[in-house]
Amino acid sequence: MAPNESSVTMQRRLEAAHLQEIEGNPLDASQIAMFEMFEREQWPSERRLNYIAERVRLLASANAAE
């Protein structure tokens, strides 16, 4: 990822996090860390989506088991 792309990606993440706060659903520390990891390791969009989808599946199955 080019340096300019990296700054654009970070700016988008910060704007999205701000919108989440406005909506009363702020990102927690683990979510922020996850998005920072995506940027740092330059994960492509498809890999990011697959990772998030898997986290959702794991949380859903853990909640269903309770």
Protein backbone atom coordinates (compact mmCIF):
# COMPACT_ATOMS: atom_id res chain seq x y z
CA MET A 1 0.00 0.00 0.00
CA ALA A 2 1.34 3.39 -0.98
CA PRO A 3 1.96 5.92 1.82
CA ASN A 4 -0.91 8.09 0.54
CA GLU A 5 -3.28 5.09 0.53
CA SER A 6 -2.27 4.33 4.10
CA SER A 7 -3.13 7.84 5.28
CA VAL A 8 -6.46 7.70 3.42
CA THR A 9 -7.27 4.35 5.05
CA MET A 10 -6.38 5.69 8.50
CA GLN A 11 -8.48 8.82 7.95
CA ARG A 12 -11.46 6.69 6.92
CA ARG A 13 -11.06 4.53 10.02
CA LEU A 14 -10.94 7.57 12.28
CA GLU A 15 -14.04 9.05 10.62
CA ALA A 16 -15.89 5.73 10.94
CA ALA A 17 -14.93 5.46 14.61
CA HIS A 18 -16.20 9.00 15.18
CA LEU A 19 -19.52 8.16 13.51
CA GLN A 20 -19.83 5.07 15.72
CA GLU A 21 -19.37 7.32 18.77
CA ILE A 22 -22.03 9.75 17.52
CA GLU A 23 -24.43 6.81 17.10
CA GLY A 24 -23.77 5.73 20.68
CA ASN A 25 -21.89 2.59 19.63
CA PRO A 26 -18.20 3.43 20.08
CA LEU A 27 -15.52 0.95 19.10
CA ASP A 28 -13.91 -0.82 22.04
CA ALA A 29 -10.16 -1.25 22.46
CA SER A 30 -10.09 -4.68 20.79
CA GLN A 31 -11.98 -3.39 17.75
CA ILE A 32 -9.65 -0.41 17.39
CA ALA A 33 -6.65 -2.76 17.69
CA MET A 34 -8.13 -5.02 15.00
CA PHE A 35 -8.54 -2.17 12.51
CA GLU A 36 -5.05 -0.86 13.31
CA MET A 37 -3.69 -4.36 12.64
CA PHE A 38 -5.45 -4.42 9.27
CA GLU A 39 -3.77 -1.16 8.35
CA ARG A 40 -0.35 -2.07 9.73
CA GLU A 41 -0.30 -5.47 8.00
CA GLN A 42 -1.97 -4.07 4.87
CA TRP A 43 -4.67 -6.71 4.70
CA PRO A 44 -6.76 -6.58 1.51
CA SER A 45 -10.49 -5.90 1.89
CA GLU A 46 -11.56 -9.50 1.23
CA ARG A 47 -9.28 -10.85 3.96
CA ARG A 48 -10.55 -8.20 6.40
CA LEU A 49 -14.17 -9.10 5.66
CA ASN A 50 -13.49 -12.82 6.08
CA TYR A 51 -11.73 -12.20 9.40
CA ILE A 52 -14.61 -10.08 10.73
CA ALA A 53 -17.21 -12.59 9.51
CA GLU A 54 -15.38 -15.39 11.31
CA ARG A 55 -15.26 -13.35 14.54
CA VAL A 56 -19.02 -12.78 14.27
CA ARG A 57 -19.62 -16.53 13.72
CA LEU A 58 -17.50 -17.39 16.75
CA LEU A 59 -19.28 -14.85 18.97
CA ALA A 60 -22.68 -16.02 17.78
CA SER A 61 -21.89 -19.65 18.47
CA ALA A 62 -20.46 -18.79 21.89
CA ASN A 63 -23.60 -16.81 22.75
CA ALA A 64 -25.83 -19.62 21.50
CA ALA A 65 -24.02 -22.08 23.75
CA GLU A 66 -24.84 -20.03 26.85
